[in-house]
C-alpha atoms as a PDB file:
ATOM      1  CA  MET A   1       6.265  36.770   5.015  1.00  0.00           C
ATOM      2  CA  TYR A   2       8.620  33.799   4.880  1.00  0.00           C
ATOM      3  CA  ASP A   3       7.279  30.689   3.135  1.00  0.00           C
ATOM      4  CA  VAL A   4       7.992  27.928   5.677  1.00  0.00           C
ATOM      5  CA  LYS A   5       6.029  25.336   3.685  1.00  0.00           C
ATOM      6  CA  LYS A   6       8.263  25.852   0.636  1.00  0.00           C
ATOM      7  CA  THR A   7      11.469  25.538   2.660  1.00  0.00           C
ATOM      8  CA  ILE A   8      10.402  22.294   4.330  1.00  0.00           C
ATOM      9  CA  SER A   9       9.287  20.917   0.970  1.00  0.00           C
ATOM     10  CA  GLU A  10      12.709  21.689  -0.528  1.00  0.00           C
ATOM     11  CA  ILE A  11      14.534  19.999   2.335  1.00  0.00           C
ATOM     12  CA  LEU A  12      12.372  16.881   2.266  1.00  0.00           C
ATOM     13  CA  ALA A  13      12.818  16.608  -1.509  1.00  0.00           C
ATOM     14  CA  GLU A  14      16.588  16.446  -1.010  1.00  0.00           C
ATOM     15  CA  LYS A  15      16.917  14.086   1.946  1.00  0.00           C
ATOM     16  CA  THR A  16      15.170  11.783   4.377  1.00  0.00           C
ATOM     17  CA  ILE A  17      14.547  13.475   7.722  1.00  0.00           C
ATOM     18  CA  THR A  18      14.319  11.412  10.909  1.00  0.00           C
ATOM     19  CA  ASN A  19      15.231  14.004  13.536  1.00  0.00           C
ATOM     20  CA  VAL A  20      14.422  17.635  14.313  1.00  0.00           C
ATOM     21  CA  SER A  21      16.535  19.450  16.891  1.00  0.00           C
ATOM     22  CA  PHE A  22      15.922  22.875  18.404  1.00  0.00           C
ATOM     23  CA  THR A  23      18.701  24.821  20.078  1.00  0.00           C
ATOM     24  CA  GLY A  24      19.393  28.336  21.326  1.00  0.00           C
ATOM     25  CA  CYS A  25      19.987  30.322  24.503  1.00  0.00           C
ATOM     26  CA  GLY A  26      17.628  32.131  26.881  1.00  0.00           C
ATOM     27  CA  GLY A  27      14.446  33.345  25.235  1.00  0.00           C
ATOM     28  CA  SER A  28      15.653  31.963  21.918  1.00  0.00           C
ATOM     29  CA  LEU A  29      15.676  28.516  23.499  1.00  0.00           C
ATOM     30  CA  ALA A  30      12.343  28.926  25.306  1.00  0.00           C
ATOM     31  CA  CYS A  31      10.560  29.681  22.022  1.00  0.00           C
ATOM     32  CA  PHE A  32      11.491  26.190  20.825  1.00  0.00           C
ATOM     33  CA  TYR A  33       9.791  24.258  23.600  1.00  0.00           C
ATOM     34  CA  ALA A  34       6.378  24.435  21.903  1.00  0.00           C
ATOM     35  CA  PRO A  35       7.561  23.080  18.515  1.00  0.00           C
ATOM     36  CA  TYR A  36       9.594  20.397  20.312  1.00  0.00           C
ATOM     37  CA  TYR A  37       6.492  19.568  22.367  1.00  0.00           C
ATOM     38  CA  PHE A  38       4.370  19.432  19.205  1.00  0.00           C
ATOM     39  CA  ILE A  39       6.675  16.947  17.468  1.00  0.00           C
ATOM     40  CA  THR A  40       6.958  14.678  20.503  1.00  0.00           C
ATOM     41  CA  ARG A  41       3.171  14.615  20.891  1.00  0.00           C
ATOM     42  CA  GLU A  42       2.101  14.467  17.237  1.00  0.00           C
ATOM     43  CA  SER A  43       4.800  12.627  15.279  1.00  0.00           C
ATOM     44  CA  ALA A  44       5.048   8.844  15.138  1.00  0.00           C
ATOM     45  CA  VAL A  45       8.306   8.760  13.158  1.00  0.00           C
ATOM     46  CA  LEU A  46      10.487  11.703  14.186  1.00  0.00           C
ATOM     47  CA  SER A  47      12.824  12.023  17.136  1.00  0.00           C
ATOM     48  CA  ALA A  48      13.168  15.522  18.554  1.00  0.00           C
ATOM     49  CA  ASN A  49      15.754  17.303  20.707  1.00  0.00           C
ATOM     50  CA  TYR A  50      15.494  20.534  22.690  1.00  0.00           C
ATOM     51  CA  GLY A  51      18.454  22.053  24.473  1.00  0.00           C
ATOM     52  CA  ASN A  52      20.892  24.843  25.191  1.00  0.00           C
ATOM     53  CA  ALA A  53      23.177  25.722  22.278  1.00  0.00           C
ATOM     54  CA  ASN A  54      26.433  25.521  24.230  1.00  0.00           C
ATOM     55  CA  GLU A  55      25.439  22.120  25.573  1.00  0.00           C
ATOM     56  CA  PHE A  56      24.494  21.039  22.048  1.00  0.00           C
ATOM     57  CA  SER A  57      28.020  21.809  20.846  1.00  0.00           C
ATOM     58  CA  HIS A  58      29.779  20.109  23.743  1.00  0.00           C
ATOM     59  CA  ASP A  59      27.462  17.119  24.176  1.00  0.00           C
ATOM     60  CA  THR A  60      25.723  16.676  20.834  1.00  0.00           C
ATOM     61  CA  PRO A  61      22.867  14.132  20.714  1.00  0.00           C
ATOM     62  CA  LYS A  62      23.823  11.031  18.724  1.00  0.00           C
ATOM     63  CA  ASN A  63      20.705  11.286  16.575  1.00  0.00           C
ATOM     64  CA  VAL A  64      21.891  14.541  14.981  1.00  0.00           C
ATOM     65  CA  ASN A  65      23.269  13.660  11.544  1.00  0.00           C
ATOM     66  CA  GLU A  66      22.660  14.112   7.825  1.00  0.00           C
ATOM     67  CA  HIS A  67      19.027  13.130   8.398  1.00  0.00           C
ATOM     68  CA  SER A  68      18.421  15.993  10.835  1.00  0.00           C
ATOM     69  CA  ILE A  69      16.982  19.466  10.615  1.00  0.00           C
ATOM     70  CA  VAL A  70      18.534  21.669  13.293  1.00  0.00           C
ATOM     71  CA  VAL A  71      16.667  24.904  14.057  1.00  0.00           C
ATOM     72  CA  CYS A  72      18.672  27.662  15.774  1.00  0.00           C
ATOM     73  CA  ALA A  73      17.621  31.104  16.956  1.00  0.00           C
ATOM     74  CA  SER A  74      19.429  34.249  18.035  1.00  0.00           C
ATOM     75  CA  ARG A  75      17.688  37.597  18.130  1.00  0.00           C
ATOM     76  CA  ARG A  76      20.715  39.530  16.897  1.00  0.00           C
ATOM     77  CA  GLY A  77      22.180  36.561  15.068  1.00  0.00           C
ATOM     78  CA  ASP A  78      25.487  36.849  16.866  1.00  0.00           C
ATOM     79  CA  THR A  79      25.142  34.713  20.001  1.00  0.00           C
ATOM     80  CA  LYS A  80      28.497  32.911  19.905  1.00  0.00           C
ATOM     81  CA  GLN A  81      27.221  29.670  21.421  1.00  0.00           C
ATOM     82  CA  THR A  82      24.306  29.470  18.979  1.00  0.00           C
ATOM     83  CA  VAL A  83      26.527  30.168  15.967  1.00  0.00           C
ATOM     84  CA  GLU A  84      28.860  27.381  17.125  1.00  0.00           C
ATOM     85  CA  ALA A  85      25.910  25.013  17.520  1.00  0.00           C
ATOM     86  CA  ALA A  86      24.828  25.774  13.946  1.00  0.00           C
ATOM     87  CA  GLN A  87      28.361  25.129  12.717  1.00  0.00           C
ATOM     88  CA  LYS A  88      28.528  21.858  14.631  1.00  0.00           C
ATOM     89  CA  ALA A  89      25.208  20.746  13.137  1.00  0.00           C
ATOM     90  CA  LYS A  90      26.435  21.584   9.637  1.00  0.00           C
ATOM     91  CA  ALA A  91      29.625  19.628  10.201  1.00  0.00           C
ATOM     92  CA  LEU A  92      27.496  16.596  11.059  1.00  0.00           C
ATOM     93  CA  GLY A  93      25.576  16.939   7.797  1.00  0.00           C
ATOM     94  CA  ALA A  94      22.373  18.397   9.237  1.00  0.00           C
ATOM     95  CA  THR A  95      20.316  21.023   7.445  1.00  0.00           C
ATOM     96  CA  VAL A  96      20.297  24.202   9.554  1.00  0.00           C
ATOM     97  CA  ILE A  97      17.431  26.689   9.718  1.00  0.00           C
ATOM     98  CA  ALA A  98      18.199  29.957  11.507  1.00  0.00           C
ATOM     99  CA  LEU A  99      15.741  32.412  13.031  1.00  0.00           C
ATOM    100  CA  GLN A 100      16.944  35.985  13.586  1.00  0.00           C
ATOM    101  CA  LEU A 101      15.703  39.569  13.749  1.00  0.00           C
ATOM    102  CA  GLU A 102      18.728  41.192  12.091  1.00  0.00           C
ATOM    103  CA  LYS A 103      20.329  40.645   8.663  1.00  0.00           C
ATOM    104  CA  ASP A 104      23.802  39.599   7.501  1.00  0.00           C
ATOM    105  CA  THR A 105      24.826  37.911  10.749  1.00  0.00           C
ATOM    106  CA  PRO A 106      27.269  35.158  11.752  1.00  0.00           C
ATOM    107  CA  LEU A 107      24.317  32.831  12.357  1.00  0.00           C
ATOM    108  CA  GLU A 108      23.002  33.466   8.878  1.00  0.00           C
ATOM    109  CA  ALA A 109      26.428  32.624   7.447  1.00  0.00           C
ATOM    110  CA  ALA A 110      26.355  29.274   9.246  1.00  0.00           C
ATOM    111  CA  ALA A 111      22.823  28.289   8.183  1.00  0.00           C
ATOM    112  CA  ASP A 112      21.309  26.737   5.078  1.00  0.00           C
ATOM    113  CA  TYR A 113      18.084  28.720   5.435  1.00  0.00           C
ATOM    114  CA  THR A 114      17.475  31.943   7.338  1.00  0.00           C
ATOM    115  CA  ILE A 115      14.113  33.260   8.495  1.00  0.00           C
ATOM    116  CA  GLN A 116      14.026  36.899   9.531  1.00  0.00           C
ATOM    117  CA  PHE A 117      11.270  37.254  12.101  1.00  0.00           C
ATOM    118  CA  LYS A 118       9.564  40.381  13.410  1.00  0.00           C
ATOM    119  CA  ASP A 119       8.310  41.477  16.809  1.00  0.00           C
ATOM    120  CA  THR A 120       4.522  41.208  17.003  1.00  0.00           C
ATOM    121  CA  GLY A 121       2.989  44.618  16.399  1.00  0.00           C
ATOM    122  CA  ALA A 122       6.234  46.246  15.235  1.00  0.00           C
ATOM    123  CA  ASP A 123       5.490  48.158  12.022  1.00  0.00           C
ATOM    124  CA  GLY A 124       2.220  46.276  11.740  1.00  0.00           C
ATOM    125  CA  ALA A 125       3.807  42.820  11.993  1.00  0.00           C
ATOM    126  CA  LEU A 126       1.411  39.942  12.565  1.00  0.00           C
ATOM    127  CA  TYR A 127       1.762  37.302  15.261  1.00  0.00           C
ATOM    128  CA  GLU A 128       2.577  34.696  12.576  1.00  0.00           C
ATOM    129  CA  GLU A 129       5.717  36.677  11.679  1.00  0.00           C
ATOM    130  CA  SER A 130       7.141  36.313  15.193  1.00  0.00           C
ATOM    131  CA  LYS A 131      10.009  34.037  16.200  1.00  0.00           C
ATOM    132  CA  SER A 132       7.785  31.674  18.179  1.00  0.00           C
ATOM    133  CA  ALA A 133       5.230  31.444  15.378  1.00  0.00           C
ATOM    134  CA  TYR A 134       7.806  30.595  12.723  1.00  0.00           C
ATOM    135  CA  ALA A 135       9.348  27.974  15.008  1.00  0.00           C
ATOM    136  CA  LEU A 136       5.961  26.321  15.513  1.00  0.00           C
ATOM    137  CA  ALA A 137       5.189  26.499  11.785  1.00  0.00           C
ATOM    138  CA  ILE A 138       8.441  24.658  11.038  1.00  0.00           C
ATOM    139  CA  ALA A 139       7.355  21.852  13.364  1.00  0.00           C
ATOM    140  CA  TYR A 140       3.855  21.364  12.026  1.00  0.00           C
ATOM    141  CA  GLU A 141       4.961  21.654   8.391  1.00  0.00           C
ATOM    142  CA  ILE A 142       7.585  18.930   8.868  1.00  0.00           C
ATOM    143  CA  VAL A 143       5.152  16.565  10.586  1.00  0.00           C
ATOM    144  CA  HIS A 144       2.419  17.207   8.039  1.00  0.00           C
ATOM    145  CA  GLN A 145       4.622  16.779   4.988  1.00  0.00           C
ATOM    146  CA  LEU A 146       6.099  13.565   6.368  1.00  0.00           C
ATOM    147  CA  GLU A 147       3.003  12.014   7.922  1.00  0.00           C
ATOM    148  CA  GLY A 148      -0.019  13.744   6.430  1.00  0.00           C
ATOM    149  CA  ASN A 149      -1.927  14.477   9.650  1.00  0.00           C
ATOM    150  CA  ASP A 150      -4.483  16.667   7.885  1.00  0.00           C
ATOM    151  CA  GLU A 151      -6.820  17.202  10.836  1.00  0.00           C
ATOM    152  CA  VAL A 152      -4.129  18.454  13.213  1.00  0.00           C
ATOM    153  CA  TYR A 153      -2.370  20.374  10.455  1.00  0.00           C
ATOM    154  CA  ASN A 154      -5.498  22.233   9.393  1.00  0.00           C
ATOM    155  CA  ALA A 155      -6.279  23.026  13.025  1.00  0.00           C
ATOM    156  CA  MET A 156      -2.760  24.443  13.502  1.00  0.00           C
ATOM    157  CA  VAL A 157      -2.952  26.584  10.359  1.00  0.00           C
ATOM    158  CA  ASN A 158      -6.354  27.940  11.392  1.00  0.00           C
ATOM    159  CA  ALA A 159      -5.123  28.582  14.934  1.00  0.00           C
ATOM    160  CA  MET A 160      -2.095  30.458  13.613  1.00  0.00           C
ATOM    161  CA  ASN A 161      -4.410  32.699  11.618  1.00  0.00           C
ATOM    162  CA  SER A 162      -6.679  33.223  14.637  1.00  0.00           C
ATOM    163  CA  MET A 163      -3.714  34.244  16.778  1.00  0.00           C
ATOM    164  CA  ASN A 164      -3.206  37.244  14.502  1.00  0.00           C
ATOM    165  CA  LYS A 165      -6.433  38.618  16.003  1.00  0.00           C
ATOM    166  CA  ILE A 166      -6.438  37.054  19.472  1.00  0.00           C
ATOM    167  CA  VAL A 167      -3.026  38.373  20.539  1.00  0.00           C
ATOM    168  CA  PRO A 168      -3.526  42.096  19.706  1.00  0.00           C
ATOM    169  CA  GLN A 169      -6.909  42.123  21.452  1.00  0.00           C
ATOM    170  CA  ALA A 170      -5.555  40.287  24.481  1.00  0.00           C
ATOM    171  CA  LEU A 171      -2.732  42.822  24.829  1.00  0.00           C
ATOM    172  CA  VAL A 172      -5.406  45.472  25.330  1.00  0.00           C
ATOM    173  CA  ASP A 173      -7.790  43.438  27.459  1.00  0.00           C
ATOM    174  CA  VAL A 174      -5.091  42.351  29.911  1.00  0.00           C
ATOM    175  CA  ILE A 175      -4.047  45.881  30.904  1.00  0.00           C
ATOM    176  CA  PRO A 176      -6.225  46.183  34.050  1.00  0.00           C
ATOM    177  CA  GLU A 177      -4.895  42.894  35.445  1.00  0.00           C
ATOM    178  CA  ALA A 178      -1.349  43.824  34.486  1.00  0.00           C
ATOM    179  CA  VAL A 179      -1.672  47.152  36.327  1.00  0.00           C
ATOM    180  CA  LYS A 180      -2.904  45.299  39.422  1.00  0.00           C
ATOM    181  CA  PHE A 181       0.035  42.896  39.184  1.00  0.00           C
ATOM    182  CA  SER A 182       2.516  45.774  39.042  1.00  0.00           C
ATOM    183  CA  VAL A 183       1.024  47.233  42.217  1.00  0.00           C
ATOM    184  CA  ASP A 184       0.778  43.940  44.098  1.00  0.00           C
ATOM    185  CA  TYR A 185       4.211  42.580  43.183  1.00  0.00           C
ATOM    186  CA  ASN A 186       6.480  45.608  42.898  1.00  0.00           C
ATOM    187  CA  ASN A 187       7.966  45.115  46.383  1.00  0.00           C
ATOM    188  CA  ASN A 188       8.507  41.357  46.165  1.00  0.00           C
ATOM    189  CA  ASP A 189      12.121  40.182  46.342  1.00  0.00           C
ATOM    190  CA  ILE A 190      11.199  36.646  45.225  1.00  0.00           C
ATOM    191  CA  ILE A 191       8.572  35.628  42.661  1.00  0.00           C
ATOM    192  CA  TYR A 192       7.982  32.003  41.649  1.00  0.00           C
ATOM    193  CA  THR A 193       6.555  31.208  38.217  1.00  0.00           C
ATOM    194  CA  MET A 194       4.525  28.085  37.451  1.00  0.00           C
ATOM    195  CA  GLY A 195       3.051  26.306  34.461  1.00  0.00           C
ATOM    196  CA  SER A 196       2.634  23.038  32.597  1.00  0.00           C
ATOM    197  CA  GLY A 197       2.579  21.996  28.960  1.00  0.00           C
ATOM    198  CA  THR A 198       4.097  24.651  26.727  1.00  0.00           C
ATOM    199  CA  ALA A 199       3.045  27.332  29.231  1.00  0.00           C
ATOM    200  CA  TRP A 200       5.876  25.973  31.393  1.00  0.00           C
ATOM    201  CA  ALA A 201       8.344  27.400  28.855  1.00  0.00           C
ATOM    202  CA  ALA A 202       6.704  30.829  29.116  1.00  0.00           C
ATOM    203  CA  ALA A 203       7.054  30.631  32.900  1.00  0.00           C
ATOM    204  CA  GLN A 204      10.690  29.601  32.560  1.00  0.00           C
ATOM    205  CA  GLN A 205      11.376  32.457  30.147  1.00  0.00           C
ATOM    206  CA  GLN A 206       9.693  34.903  32.522  1.00  0.00           C
ATOM    207  CA  THR A 207      11.882  33.658  35.360  1.00  0.00           C
ATOM    208  CA  ILE A 208      15.297  33.810  33.717  1.00  0.00           C
ATOM    209  CA  CYS A 209      14.873  36.568  31.122  1.00  0.00           C
ATOM    210  CA  ILE A 210      12.619  39.020  32.952  1.00  0.00           C
ATOM    211  CA  PHE A 211      12.531  38.609  36.730  1.00  0.00           C
ATOM    212  CA  MET A 212      16.196  37.638  37.051  1.00  0.00           C
ATOM    213  CA  GLU A 213      17.868  39.306  34.050  1.00  0.00           C
ATOM    214  CA  MET A 214      15.832  42.462  33.541  1.00  0.00           C
ATOM    215  CA  GLN A 215      14.421  43.123  37.006  1.00  0.00           C
ATOM    216  CA  TRP A 216      17.041  41.536  39.313  1.00  0.00           C
ATOM    217  CA  ILE A 217      14.293  39.735  41.235  1.00  0.00           C
ATOM    218  CA  ASN A 218      15.096  36.303  42.645  1.00  0.00           C
ATOM    219  CA  SER A 219      12.934  33.728  40.933  1.00  0.00           C
ATOM    220  CA  SER A 220      12.547  30.056  40.081  1.00  0.00           C
ATOM    221  CA  VAL A 221      10.316  28.249  37.625  1.00  0.00           C
ATOM    222  CA  ILE A 222       8.273  25.350  39.002  1.00  0.00           C
ATOM    223  CA  HIS A 223       6.340  22.818  36.953  1.00  0.00           C
ATOM    224  CA  SER A 224       2.792  22.761  38.297  1.00  0.00           C
ATOM    225  CA  ASP A 225       2.933  19.094  39.239  1.00  0.00           C
ATOM    226  CA  GLU A 226       6.573  19.066  40.377  1.00  0.00           C
ATOM    227  CA  PHE A 227       5.338  21.724  42.806  1.00  0.00           C
ATOM    228  CA  PHE A 228       4.032  18.835  44.923  1.00  0.00           C
ATOM    229  CA  ASN A 229       7.354  17.026  44.910  1.00  0.00           C
ATOM    230  CA  GLY A 230       9.131  19.512  47.139  1.00  0.00           C
ATOM    231  CA  PRO A 231       8.636  23.177  46.186  1.00  0.00           C
ATOM    232  CA  PHE A 232       5.207  23.565  47.840  1.00  0.00           C
ATOM    233  CA  GLU A 233       6.941  23.337  51.225  1.00  0.00           C
ATOM    234  CA  ILE A 234       8.122  26.963  50.885  1.00  0.00           C
ATOM    235  CA  THR A 235       4.549  28.225  50.535  1.00  0.00           C
ATOM    236  CA  GLU A 236       3.405  30.834  53.030  1.00  0.00           C
ATOM    237  CA  LYS A 237       0.402  33.125  52.868  1.00  0.00           C
ATOM    238  CA  ASP A 238       2.424  35.913  51.254  1.00  0.00           C
ATOM    239  CA  THR A 239       4.748  33.867  48.993  1.00  0.00           C
ATOM    240  CA  ALA A 240       4.569  35.436  45.527  1.00  0.00           C
ATOM    241  CA  TYR A 241       3.435  33.152  42.701  1.00  0.00           C
ATOM    242  CA  LEU A 242       2.624  33.730  39.035  1.00  0.00           C
ATOM    243  CA  LEU A 243       0.872  30.783  37.356  1.00  0.00           C
ATOM    244  CA  LEU A 244       0.214  30.539  33.620  1.00  0.00           C
ATOM    245  CA  LYS A 245      -2.730  28.207  33.182  1.00  0.00           C
ATOM    246  CA  SER A 246      -2.645  25.663  30.377  1.00  0.00           C
ATOM    247  CA  THR A 247      -5.406  25.888  27.799  1.00  0.00           C
ATOM    248  CA  GLY A 248      -4.809  22.265  26.776  1.00  0.00           C
ATOM    249  CA  ARG A 249      -4.620  18.744  28.116  1.00  0.00           C
ATOM    250  CA  THR A 250      -2.528  19.663  31.159  1.00  0.00           C
ATOM    251  CA  ARG A 251      -5.099  22.153  32.434  1.00  0.00           C
ATOM    252  CA  GLU A 252      -6.058  19.733  35.233  1.00  0.00           C
ATOM    253  CA  VAL A 253      -2.409  19.629  36.291  1.00  0.00           C
ATOM    254  CA  ASP A 254      -2.513  23.383  36.898  1.00  0.00           C
ATOM    255  CA  GLU A 255      -5.886  23.183  38.620  1.00  0.00           C
ATOM    256  CA  ARG A 256      -4.418  20.832  41.219  1.00  0.00           C
ATOM    257  CA  ALA A 257      -1.760  23.429  42.043  1.00  0.00           C
ATOM    258  CA  ILE A 258      -4.328  26.236  42.065  1.00  0.00           C
ATOM    259  CA  ALA A 259      -6.527  24.328  44.533  1.00  0.00           C
ATOM    260  CA  PHE A 260      -3.593  24.027  46.929  1.00  0.00           C
ATOM    261  CA  LEU A 261      -2.613  27.676  46.570  1.00  0.00           C
ATOM    262  CA  ASN A 262      -6.197  28.778  47.182  1.00  0.00           C
ATOM    263  CA  LYS A 263      -6.003  27.071  50.572  1.00  0.00           C
ATOM    264  CA  PHE A 264      -2.593  28.169  51.778  1.00  0.00           C
ATOM    265  CA  ASN A 265      -1.594  31.277  49.807  1.00  0.00           C
ATOM    266  CA  ALA A 266      -3.076  34.725  49.238  1.00  0.00           C
ATOM    267  CA  HIS A 267      -0.530  36.085  46.769  1.00  0.00           C
ATOM    268  CA  THR A 268      -1.008  34.128  43.523  1.00  0.00           C
ATOM    269  CA  THR A 269      -1.712  35.665  40.135  1.00  0.00           C
ATOM    270  CA  ILE A 270      -3.241  33.304  37.577  1.00  0.00           C
ATOM    271  CA  ILE A 271      -3.301  34.237  33.915  1.00  0.00           C
ATOM    272  CA  ASP A 272      -5.791  32.091  32.023  1.00  0.00           C
ATOM    273  CA  GLY A 273      -5.809  32.129  28.241  1.00  0.00           C
ATOM    274  CA  TYR A 274      -9.470  31.140  28.302  1.00  0.00           C
ATOM    275  CA  ASP A 275     -10.204  34.675  29.503  1.00  0.00           C
ATOM    276  CA  TYR A 276      -8.573  36.136  26.391  1.00  0.00           C
ATOM    277  CA  GLY A 277      -9.838  34.058  23.476  1.00  0.00           C
ATOM    278  CA  MET A 278      -7.547  31.022  23.483  1.00  0.00           C
ATOM    279  CA  LYS A 279     -10.453  28.580  23.777  1.00  0.00           C
ATOM    280  CA  GLU A 280     -11.322  29.500  20.184  1.00  0.00           C
ATOM    281  CA  LEU A 281      -8.267  27.553  19.003  1.00  0.00           C
ATOM    282  CA  GLY A 282      -9.758  24.225  20.052  1.00  0.00           C
ATOM    283  CA  GLU A 283      -7.669  21.174  20.892  1.00  0.00           C
ATOM    284  CA  VAL A 284      -4.421  22.611  19.491  1.00  0.00           C
ATOM    285  CA  SER A 285      -4.455  25.675  21.749  1.00  0.00           C
ATOM    286  CA  GLU A 286      -1.881  24.114  24.080  1.00  0.00           C
ATOM    287  CA  TYR A 287       0.793  24.395  21.399  1.00  0.00           C
ATOM    288  CA  PHE A 288       0.313  28.162  21.336  1.00  0.00           C
ATOM    289  CA  ASP A 289       0.363  28.688  25.109  1.00  0.00           C
ATOM    290  CA  HIS A 290       4.068  29.544  25.286  1.00  0.00           C
ATOM    291  CA  SER A 291       3.933  32.312  22.717  1.00  0.00           C
ATOM    292  CA  PHE A 292       0.559  33.606  23.878  1.00  0.00           C
ATOM    293  CA  TYR A 293       1.652  34.027  27.488  1.00  0.00           C
ATOM    294  CA  SER A 294       5.016  35.444  26.467  1.00  0.00           C
ATOM    295  CA  GLU A 295       3.235  38.117  24.420  1.00  0.00           C
ATOM    296  CA  LEU A 296       0.857  38.969  27.277  1.00  0.00           C
ATOM    297  CA  LEU A 297       3.644  39.104  29.834  1.00  0.00           C
ATOM    298  CA  GLY A 298       5.239  41.877  27.816  1.00  0.00           C
ATOM    299  CA  VAL A 299       2.462  44.147  29.096  1.00  0.00           C
ATOM    300  CA  TYR A 300       2.969  42.961  32.681  1.00  0.00           C
ATOM    301  CA  ASN A 301       6.715  43.417  32.458  1.00  0.00           C
ATOM    302  CA  HIS A 302       6.700  46.985  31.187  1.00  0.00           C
ATOM    303  CA  LEU A 303       4.215  48.049  33.846  1.00  0.00           C
ATOM    304  CA  LEU A 304       6.169  46.285  36.598  1.00  0.00           C
ATOM    305  CA  ALA A 305       9.416  47.885  35.425  1.00  0.00           C
ATOM    306  CA  ASP A 306       7.797  51.318  35.448  1.00  0.00           C
ATOM    307  CA  ARG A 307       6.349  50.766  38.921  1.00  0.00           C
ATOM    308  CA  ARG A 308       9.708  49.592  40.273  1.00  0.00           C
ATOM    309  CA  GLN A 309      11.587  52.358  38.424  1.00  0.00           C
ATOM    310  CA  HIS A 310      13.886  49.662  37.089  1.00  0.00           C
ATOM    311  CA  PRO A 311      14.042  49.825  33.257  1.00  0.00           C
ATOM    312  CA  LEU A 312      14.050  46.516  31.389  1.00  0.00           C
ATOM    313  CA  SER A 313      17.273  47.641  29.691  1.00  0.00           C
ATOM    314  CA  TRP A 314      19.385  47.715  32.888  1.00  0.00           C
ATOM    315  CA  ARG A 315      22.205  45.153  33.120  1.00  0.00           C
ATOM    316  CA  LYS A 316      25.068  44.607  35.572  1.00  0.00           C
ATOM    317  CA  TYR A 317      26.973  41.955  33.640  1.00  0.00           C
ATOM    318  CA  MET A 318      25.318  41.134  30.316  1.00  0.00           C
ATOM    319  CA  TRP A 319      27.221  42.569  27.339  1.00  0.00           C
ATOM    320  CA  LYS A 320      29.583  44.384  29.754  1.00  0.00           C
ATOM    321  CA  PHE A 321      32.214  41.668  30.319  1.00  0.00           C
ATOM    322  CA  ASN A 322      33.692  38.686  28.559  1.00  0.00           C
ATOM    323  CA  TYR A 323      31.849  35.656  29.880  1.00  0.00           C
END
């Protein structure tokens, strides 16, 4: 297992850090929303950026410099736009940490430190060895080592350890609801995803990486409160919604949306982490919502793909053309 604490300690011993930036594409961007969210909520001294890698290269935030840590991710380590973002960060003097599944990649060549993550459950891998977990660990280690927030830090470390047990059990417990979802939604041409807090990033990832990319289903992600600033007007009784309920401070935001949907819609699926052990994490649970829901949705997605006879591996354009 990679020693994130040691890496952050080495970096902070060499330079003063005032900014942490997270950049990637698709699912490798979505996994960074939780650590970005953590820093913006828990740090009093750090600025934080979160954005698409290609945009990072073309319109780089002014606060990225020699006092920055830039964290990049690419599953195969060869996403051109992410490699270029890492190179741009290096050119500006930033320290670059790369997250990847493979070895000996272009991204690794561009980075100062490389963390090789694993898929949860693959060859006995623990949740804390996943891409999302390492990304979150980077965030809370930086904040702790700079600012010494022992209470939050200890809660995050304990929660990370608890997730090693909560996630595998939840993947089993969720199967009946996931089967029902595959039956109820397999004929829908449009599915809207909703969430708040870091669960919003899981909803966004589900929209662009699964429904649109892997299942060719029209979809849009809607923040649970922005729902009331326009999107709720498309609601009919049979409009298909999937809402990922926050286990943290924005839970009431989701409950407002749920109350509306209960009145005017009969086709909403709500996944609530409280039903699967997330309440055990206490006040820091919200920082784990993205990765928790993303793990659970893996069960939903495989069952939906099987029901629709549309394998998750099908592509029309991705990897088939120069784009």
